[in-house]
Amino acid sequence: MNLYGQLDLTKAGIIAREHPELVKHVKFKDGEHLLLNVSFFSLQNPDDYGNTETLKVRCKKDEQRKGVNYYLGNFKNGEKNEQRPQPAQPTQPVAEEQDYYPTDPHDLPF
């Protein structure tokens, strides 16, 4: 099965900052990586956009905080060459580029 869709990195970063206990620090050959456990869930019926799968941060119910959305994206079954939806355009121009290179090596880049 091939899945394609969009992963909301902004939500992943917010969840990682609000739930640092969910982030695992793992050492690889090229240095330390920050990992966040996730799970795919199949939808009973495709949504209005044809999505059949949902990606969510893997977190026990008793660890979830009220008001936090743990869903990171929706995905469709299909091949890579199928037409994909275009991302929404921002409604307001961005005043300046953000600095994506944090000074703290443990800070997430998103």
N, C-alpha and C. Protein backbone atom coordinates (compact mmCIF):
# COMPACT_ATOMS: atom_id res chain seq x y z
N MET A 1 0.85 -1.17 0.00
CA MET A 1 0.00 0.00 0.00
C MET A 1 0.89 1.24 0.00
N ASN A 2 0.64 2.14 -0.89
CA ASN A 2 1.34 3.42 -0.95
C ASN A 2 0.41 4.49 -0.40
N LEU A 3 0.92 5.30 0.50
CA LEU A 3 0.16 6.41 1.05
C LEU A 3 0.84 7.71 0.68
N TYR A 4 0.06 8.72 0.44
CA TYR A 4 0.62 10.05 0.24
C TYR A 4 -0.29 11.07 0.89
N GLY A 5 0.28 12.19 1.28
CA GLY A 5 -0.47 13.24 1.93
C GLY A 5 0.48 14.28 2.47
N GLN A 6 0.02 15.02 3.45
CA GLN A 6 0.83 16.09 4.02
C GLN A 6 0.91 15.91 5.53
N LEU A 7 2.11 16.09 6.05
CA LEU A 7 2.39 16.01 7.48
C LEU A 7 2.52 17.43 8.00
N ASP A 8 1.77 17.76 9.03
CA ASP A 8 1.81 19.11 9.60
C ASP A 8 2.96 19.21 10.60
N LEU A 9 4.09 19.73 10.15
CA LEU A 9 5.27 19.86 11.00
C LEU A 9 5.07 20.90 12.10
N THR A 10 4.24 21.88 11.85
CA THR A 10 3.96 22.89 12.87
C THR A 10 3.28 22.24 14.07
N LYS A 11 2.27 21.40 13.81
CA LYS A 11 1.60 20.69 14.90
C LYS A 11 2.56 19.75 15.61
N ALA A 12 3.41 19.06 14.86
CA ALA A 12 4.37 18.13 15.47
C ALA A 12 5.31 18.89 16.40
N GLY A 13 5.76 20.06 16.00
CA GLY A 13 6.64 20.87 16.83
C GLY A 13 5.95 21.37 18.09
N ILE A 14 4.70 21.80 17.94
CA ILE A 14 3.94 22.28 19.11
C ILE A 14 3.75 21.15 20.11
N ILE A 15 3.35 19.99 19.61
CA ILE A 15 3.13 18.85 20.50
C ILE A 15 4.44 18.45 21.18
N ALA A 16 5.53 18.45 20.44
CA ALA A 16 6.83 18.08 21.01
C ALA A 16 7.25 19.07 22.10
N ARG A 17 6.99 20.35 21.91
CA ARG A 17 7.34 21.36 22.93
C ARG A 17 6.42 21.26 24.15
N GLU A 18 5.12 21.00 23.91
CA GLU A 18 4.18 20.91 25.02
C GLU A 18 4.26 19.58 25.75
N HIS A 19 4.74 18.55 25.07
CA HIS A 19 4.87 17.20 25.64
C HIS A 19 6.31 16.71 25.48
N PRO A 20 7.29 17.31 26.14
CA PRO A 20 8.67 16.86 25.95
C PRO A 20 8.87 15.40 26.35
N GLU A 21 8.00 14.87 27.19
CA GLU A 21 8.12 13.47 27.59
C GLU A 21 7.82 12.51 26.44
N LEU A 22 7.18 12.99 25.38
CA LEU A 22 6.88 12.14 24.22
C LEU A 22 8.05 12.08 23.23
N VAL A 23 9.01 12.98 23.37
CA VAL A 23 10.15 13.05 22.46
C VAL A 23 11.26 12.15 22.99
N LYS A 24 11.74 11.27 22.13
CA LYS A 24 12.85 10.39 22.50
C LYS A 24 14.13 10.93 21.88
N HIS A 25 15.18 10.97 22.67
CA HIS A 25 16.50 11.37 22.20
C HIS A 25 17.28 10.09 21.92
N VAL A 26 17.59 9.86 20.63
CA VAL A 26 18.25 8.62 20.22
C VAL A 26 19.54 8.98 19.50
N LYS A 27 20.62 8.31 19.87
CA LYS A 27 21.92 8.56 19.24
C LYS A 27 22.10 7.64 18.04
N PHE A 28 22.41 8.23 16.92
CA PHE A 28 22.73 7.52 15.69
C PHE A 28 24.18 7.83 15.33
N LYS A 29 24.68 7.20 14.29
CA LYS A 29 26.06 7.44 13.87
C LYS A 29 26.32 8.90 13.54
N ASP A 30 25.31 9.56 12.97
CA ASP A 30 25.49 10.96 12.57
C ASP A 30 25.07 11.96 13.65
N GLY A 31 24.82 11.48 14.85
CA GLY A 31 24.48 12.38 15.95
C GLY A 31 23.15 12.02 16.59
N GLU A 32 22.71 12.88 17.48
CA GLU A 32 21.46 12.64 18.20
C GLU A 32 20.26 13.06 17.35
N HIS A 33 19.23 12.22 17.36
CA HIS A 33 17.98 12.51 16.65
C HIS A 33 16.85 12.60 17.67
N LEU A 34 15.87 13.42 17.38
CA LEU A 34 14.69 13.53 18.21
C LEU A 34 13.55 12.80 17.50
N LEU A 35 12.95 11.82 18.18
CA LEU A 35 11.92 11.00 17.57
C LEU A 35 10.60 11.18 18.30
N LEU A 36 9.51 11.11 17.55
CA LEU A 36 8.16 11.23 18.08
C LEU A 36 7.38 10.03 17.57
N ASN A 37 6.84 9.20 18.45
CA ASN A 37 6.08 8.03 18.04
C ASN A 37 4.74 8.45 17.45
N VAL A 38 4.39 7.83 16.34
CA VAL A 38 3.13 8.13 15.65
C VAL A 38 2.43 6.82 15.28
N SER A 39 1.15 6.93 14.96
CA SER A 39 0.35 5.78 14.51
C SER A 39 -0.54 6.21 13.36
N PHE A 40 -0.72 5.30 12.41
CA PHE A 40 -1.68 5.49 11.33
C PHE A 40 -2.99 4.81 11.72
N PHE A 41 -4.10 5.45 11.40
CA PHE A 41 -5.41 4.88 11.63
C PHE A 41 -6.19 4.92 10.32
N SER A 42 -6.85 3.83 9.99
CA SER A 42 -7.69 3.78 8.80
C SER A 42 -9.05 4.37 9.13
N LEU A 43 -9.53 5.23 8.25
CA LEU A 43 -10.87 5.79 8.41
C LEU A 43 -11.89 4.77 7.92
N GLN A 44 -13.04 4.71 8.56
CA GLN A 44 -14.07 3.76 8.13
C GLN A 44 -14.57 4.10 6.73
N ASN A 45 -14.69 5.38 6.45
CA ASN A 45 -15.10 5.87 5.14
C ASN A 45 -14.18 7.02 4.75
N PRO A 46 -13.85 7.13 3.47
CA PRO A 46 -13.02 8.27 3.05
C PRO A 46 -13.69 9.59 3.40
N ASP A 47 -12.89 10.59 3.76
CA ASP A 47 -13.46 11.90 4.06
C ASP A 47 -13.81 12.63 2.76
N ASP A 48 -14.23 13.89 2.86
CA ASP A 48 -14.66 14.67 1.69
C ASP A 48 -13.55 14.86 0.67
N TYR A 49 -12.29 14.70 1.07
CA TYR A 49 -11.15 14.90 0.18
C TYR A 49 -10.55 13.58 -0.31
N GLY A 50 -11.18 12.46 0.04
CA GLY A 50 -10.69 11.16 -0.39
C GLY A 50 -9.62 10.55 0.50
N ASN A 51 -9.33 11.18 1.64
CA ASN A 51 -8.34 10.64 2.57
C ASN A 51 -8.88 9.38 3.23
N THR A 52 -8.03 8.37 3.33
CA THR A 52 -8.43 7.10 3.91
C THR A 52 -7.66 6.75 5.18
N GLU A 53 -6.61 7.49 5.48
CA GLU A 53 -5.76 7.23 6.65
C GLU A 53 -5.49 8.53 7.39
N THR A 54 -5.29 8.42 8.69
CA THR A 54 -4.97 9.57 9.54
C THR A 54 -3.71 9.25 10.33
N LEU A 55 -2.85 10.23 10.48
CA LEU A 55 -1.63 10.09 11.27
C LEU A 55 -1.80 10.88 12.56
N LYS A 56 -1.48 10.23 13.68
CA LYS A 56 -1.67 10.83 14.99
C LYS A 56 -0.46 10.53 15.86
N VAL A 57 -0.12 11.46 16.76
CA VAL A 57 0.94 11.21 17.74
C VAL A 57 0.48 10.08 18.65
N ARG A 58 1.37 9.15 18.87
CA ARG A 58 1.04 8.02 19.72
C ARG A 58 1.24 8.44 21.18
N CYS A 59 0.12 8.51 21.90
CA CYS A 59 0.12 9.00 23.28
C CYS A 59 -1.02 8.31 24.02
N LYS A 60 -0.74 7.80 25.22
CA LYS A 60 -1.78 7.16 26.02
C LYS A 60 -2.86 8.17 26.38
N LYS A 61 -4.11 7.72 26.44
CA LYS A 61 -5.22 8.63 26.74
C LYS A 61 -5.02 9.38 28.04
N ASP A 62 -4.50 8.71 29.07
CA ASP A 62 -4.32 9.38 30.35
C ASP A 62 -3.18 10.40 30.33
N GLU A 63 -2.33 10.38 29.28
CA GLU A 63 -1.25 11.35 29.14
C GLU A 63 -1.66 12.54 28.26
N GLN A 64 -2.78 12.41 27.56
CA GLN A 64 -3.21 13.48 26.67
C GLN A 64 -3.72 14.67 27.46
N ARG A 65 -3.42 15.84 26.95
CA ARG A 65 -3.85 17.07 27.61
C ARG A 65 -5.08 17.62 26.92
N LYS A 66 -5.98 18.15 27.71
CA LYS A 66 -7.22 18.70 27.18
C LYS A 66 -6.92 19.88 26.25
N GLY A 67 -7.57 19.90 25.12
CA GLY A 67 -7.42 21.00 24.17
C GLY A 67 -6.28 20.85 23.19
N VAL A 68 -5.47 19.78 23.30
CA VAL A 68 -4.35 19.58 22.37
C VAL A 68 -4.80 18.63 21.27
N ASN A 69 -4.60 19.02 20.03
CA ASN A 69 -4.94 18.20 18.86
C ASN A 69 -3.72 17.35 18.50
N TYR A 70 -3.85 16.04 18.59
CA TYR A 70 -2.73 15.14 18.36
C TYR A 70 -2.66 14.63 16.92
N TYR A 71 -3.57 15.07 16.06
CA TYR A 71 -3.58 14.64 14.67
C TYR A 71 -2.57 15.44 13.86
N LEU A 72 -1.77 14.74 13.04
CA LEU A 72 -0.69 15.38 12.29
C LEU A 72 -0.94 15.44 10.79
N GLY A 73 -1.90 14.68 10.30
CA GLY A 73 -2.14 14.72 8.86
C GLY A 73 -3.08 13.63 8.40
N ASN A 74 -3.56 13.80 7.18
CA ASN A 74 -4.43 12.82 6.53
C ASN A 74 -3.74 12.35 5.26
N PHE A 75 -4.01 11.11 4.89
CA PHE A 75 -3.33 10.51 3.76
C PHE A 75 -4.30 9.72 2.90
N LYS A 76 -3.91 9.53 1.64
CA LYS A 76 -4.71 8.78 0.67
C LYS A 76 -3.91 7.57 0.21
N ASN A 77 -4.64 6.54 -0.19
CA ASN A 77 -4.02 5.40 -0.84
C ASN A 77 -3.77 5.77 -2.29
N GLY A 78 -2.67 5.36 -2.84
CA GLY A 78 -2.43 5.64 -4.24
C GLY A 78 -0.98 5.57 -4.61
N GLU A 79 -0.72 5.81 -5.85
CA GLU A 79 0.64 5.79 -6.39
C GLU A 79 1.22 7.19 -6.35
N LYS A 80 2.54 7.28 -6.39
CA LYS A 80 3.23 8.56 -6.32
C LYS A 80 2.85 9.50 -7.47
N ASN A 81 2.56 8.96 -8.62
CA ASN A 81 2.32 9.82 -9.79
C ASN A 81 0.90 10.37 -9.85
N GLU A 82 0.04 10.05 -8.87
CA GLU A 82 -1.29 10.63 -8.87
C GLU A 82 -1.21 12.11 -8.52
N GLN A 83 -2.20 12.86 -8.98
CA GLN A 83 -2.21 14.29 -8.71
C GLN A 83 -2.47 14.52 -7.22
N ARG A 84 -1.68 15.39 -6.61
CA ARG A 84 -1.79 15.68 -5.20
C ARG A 84 -2.39 17.07 -4.99
N PRO A 85 -3.08 17.28 -3.88
CA PRO A 85 -3.63 18.61 -3.62
C PRO A 85 -2.51 19.61 -3.37
N GLN A 86 -2.74 20.84 -3.80
CA GLN A 86 -1.78 21.90 -3.60
C GLN A 86 -1.96 22.50 -2.21
N PRO A 87 -0.86 22.88 -1.54
CA PRO A 87 -0.99 23.49 -0.22
C PRO A 87 -1.69 24.83 -0.31
N ALA A 88 -2.39 25.19 0.76
CA ALA A 88 -3.10 26.47 0.80
C ALA A 88 -2.10 27.61 0.79
N GLN A 89 -2.44 28.67 0.10
CA GLN A 89 -1.58 29.85 0.04
C GLN A 89 -1.84 30.72 1.27
N PRO A 90 -0.81 31.32 1.85
CA PRO A 90 -1.03 32.19 3.02
C PRO A 90 -1.88 33.38 2.64
N THR A 91 -2.73 33.81 3.57
CA THR A 91 -3.62 34.94 3.29
C THR A 91 -2.92 36.27 3.48
N GLN A 92 -1.87 36.30 4.31
CA GLN A 92 -1.13 37.53 4.53
C GLN A 92 0.34 37.29 4.17
N PRO A 93 0.99 38.30 3.59
CA PRO A 93 2.41 38.10 3.27
C PRO A 93 3.25 37.96 4.54
N VAL A 94 4.28 37.18 4.44
CA VAL A 94 5.19 36.98 5.57
C VAL A 94 6.14 38.15 5.62
N ALA A 95 6.24 38.78 6.80
CA ALA A 95 7.06 39.99 6.94
C ALA A 95 8.54 39.69 6.79
N GLU A 96 9.01 38.60 7.39
CA GLU A 96 10.42 38.26 7.30
C GLU A 96 10.58 36.76 7.48
N GLU A 97 11.67 36.25 7.00
CA GLU A 97 11.96 34.83 7.14
C GLU A 97 12.28 34.52 8.60
N GLN A 98 11.81 33.36 9.07
CA GLN A 98 12.14 32.94 10.42
C GLN A 98 13.49 32.26 10.42
N ASP A 99 14.17 32.32 11.56
CA ASP A 99 15.45 31.65 11.70
C ASP A 99 15.19 30.20 12.08
N TYR A 100 15.49 29.28 11.18
CA TYR A 100 15.22 27.87 11.41
C TYR A 100 16.44 27.14 11.96
N TYR A 101 17.46 27.85 12.33
CA TYR A 101 18.66 27.25 12.88
C TYR A 101 18.80 27.69 14.33
N PRO A 102 18.18 26.93 15.25
CA PRO A 102 18.18 27.35 16.65
C PRO A 102 19.58 27.31 17.26
N THR A 103 19.80 28.15 18.24
CA THR A 103 21.08 28.17 18.93
C THR A 103 21.17 27.03 19.93
N ASP A 104 20.03 26.59 20.45
CA ASP A 104 20.00 25.46 21.39
C ASP A 104 19.94 24.17 20.60
N PRO A 105 20.95 23.27 20.72
CA PRO A 105 20.97 22.05 19.91
C PRO A 105 19.83 21.10 20.24
N HIS A 106 19.13 21.28 21.37
CA HIS A 106 18.01 20.40 21.73
C HIS A 106 16.67 20.99 21.32
N ASP A 107 16.67 22.19 20.74
CA ASP A 107 15.45 22.81 20.28
C ASP A 107 15.07 22.21 18.92
N LEU A 108 13.80 21.93 18.73
CA LEU A 108 13.34 21.37 17.46
C LEU A 108 13.33 22.45 16.39
N PRO A 109 13.67 22.10 15.16
CA PRO A 109 13.74 23.10 14.10
C PRO A 109 12.39 23.46 13.52
N PHE A 110 11.28 22.99 14.11
CA PHE A 110 9.95 23.32 13.59
C PHE A 110 9.01 23.61 14.70
